[in-house]
Amino acid sequence: MDIGFVAADAAPKAIGPYSQAVSYGELIYTAGQIALDPATMQIVSGGIGEQTERVLSNLEAVLRAAGSDLSRVLKTTVFLQNMADFTAM
């Protein structure tokens, strides 16, 4: 099997030396996501709710570029600065 590198035009460009996602066979490994607006490359304004929506939208764009979607996600890890934001997330 070959390793594939994914670059999604609809998601923020990588801000470091990494790929947005890597595929291996039918598996897709995505890079960590932050709430960057792809058009401005700035963190979206608002609170944790708006940031969560942007992260999921970015992740969806990366998965689409890899030929997948959110319905096929097996595992996620979330890092919150404040646990009081958990419910709004």
Protein backbone atom coordinates (compact mmCIF):
# COMPACT_ATOMS: atom_id res chain seq x y z
CA MET A 1 0.00 0.00 0.00
CA ASP A 2 1.10 3.53 -0.70
CA ILE A 3 1.08 6.47 1.68
CA GLY A 4 -0.90 9.43 0.34
CA PHE A 5 -0.70 13.04 1.43
CA VAL A 6 -3.92 15.08 1.52
CA ALA A 7 -4.19 18.81 0.83
CA ALA A 8 -7.68 20.33 0.96
CA ASP A 9 -8.23 23.70 -0.69
CA ALA A 10 -11.36 24.27 1.43
CA ALA A 11 -9.44 23.94 4.72
CA PRO A 12 -6.75 26.22 6.17
CA LYS A 13 -3.32 25.68 4.68
CA ALA A 14 -0.87 23.86 6.96
CA ILE A 15 0.98 26.40 9.12
CA GLY A 16 3.95 24.13 9.66
CA PRO A 17 5.86 21.29 8.03
CA TYR A 18 3.03 18.75 8.06
CA SER A 19 0.21 17.43 5.88
CA GLN A 20 -3.46 18.11 6.59
CA ALA A 21 -3.95 14.35 6.46
CA VAL A 22 -2.17 11.19 5.44
CA SER A 23 -3.87 8.16 3.94
CA TYR A 24 -2.72 4.56 4.07
CA GLY A 25 -5.01 2.12 2.31
CA GLU A 26 -8.51 2.97 3.52
CA LEU A 27 -7.26 4.67 6.71
CA ILE A 28 -6.96 8.44 6.98
CA TYR A 29 -4.97 10.13 9.73
CA THR A 30 -5.78 13.83 10.10
CA ALA A 31 -3.56 16.49 11.61
CA GLY A 32 -4.75 18.41 14.65
CA GLN A 33 -7.24 21.14 13.88
CA ILE A 34 -7.60 24.64 15.25
CA ALA A 35 -10.37 27.12 14.56
CA LEU A 36 -8.72 28.89 11.62
CA ASP A 37 -10.88 30.50 8.96
CA PRO A 38 -9.43 29.22 5.65
CA ALA A 39 -10.00 32.58 3.94
CA THR A 40 -8.26 34.76 6.53
CA MET A 41 -6.04 32.22 8.33
CA GLN A 42 -7.20 33.82 11.59
CA ILE A 43 -8.89 32.15 14.57
CA VAL A 44 -12.65 32.67 14.25
CA SER A 45 -14.22 35.19 16.59
CA GLY A 46 -16.78 34.17 19.14
CA GLY A 47 -16.64 31.53 21.78
CA ILE A 48 -16.07 27.83 21.99
CA GLY A 49 -19.26 27.07 20.03
CA GLU A 50 -18.10 29.02 16.97
CA GLN A 51 -14.60 27.59 17.27
CA THR A 52 -15.93 24.03 17.47
CA GLU A 53 -18.09 24.58 14.37
CA ARG A 54 -15.07 25.89 12.44
CA VAL A 55 -12.86 22.97 13.51
CA LEU A 56 -15.51 20.46 12.40
CA SER A 57 -15.99 22.31 9.10
CA ASN A 58 -12.23 22.27 8.48
CA LEU A 59 -12.00 18.60 9.40
CA GLU A 60 -14.90 17.79 7.07
CA ALA A 61 -13.11 19.57 4.20
CA VAL A 62 -9.93 17.58 4.81
CA LEU A 63 -11.84 14.30 4.96
CA ARG A 64 -13.74 15.13 1.74
CA ALA A 65 -10.44 15.83 -0.02
CA ALA A 66 -9.31 12.38 1.12
CA GLY A 67 -12.51 10.73 -0.18
CA SER A 68 -14.19 10.32 3.20
CA ASP A 69 -16.49 12.20 5.60
CA LEU A 70 -17.29 12.72 9.28
CA SER A 71 -19.58 9.68 9.41
CA ARG A 72 -16.53 7.43 9.10
CA VAL A 73 -14.51 8.96 11.97
CA LEU A 74 -13.52 6.33 14.52
CA LYS A 75 -11.82 8.41 17.20
CA THR A 76 -11.26 12.02 18.16
CA THR A 77 -9.29 13.72 20.91
CA VAL A 78 -10.30 17.13 22.19
CA PHE A 79 -8.13 19.49 24.22
CA LEU A 80 -10.00 22.19 26.12
CA GLN A 81 -8.32 25.06 27.90
CA ASN A 82 -11.29 25.35 30.26
CA MET A 83 -13.53 22.41 31.17
CA ALA A 84 -16.38 24.89 31.69
CA ASP A 85 -16.49 25.07 27.87
CA PHE A 86 -17.30 21.36 27.54
CA THR A 87 -21.08 21.74 27.30
CA ALA A 88 -20.91 24.54 24.71
CA MET A 89 -18.46 22.51 22.64
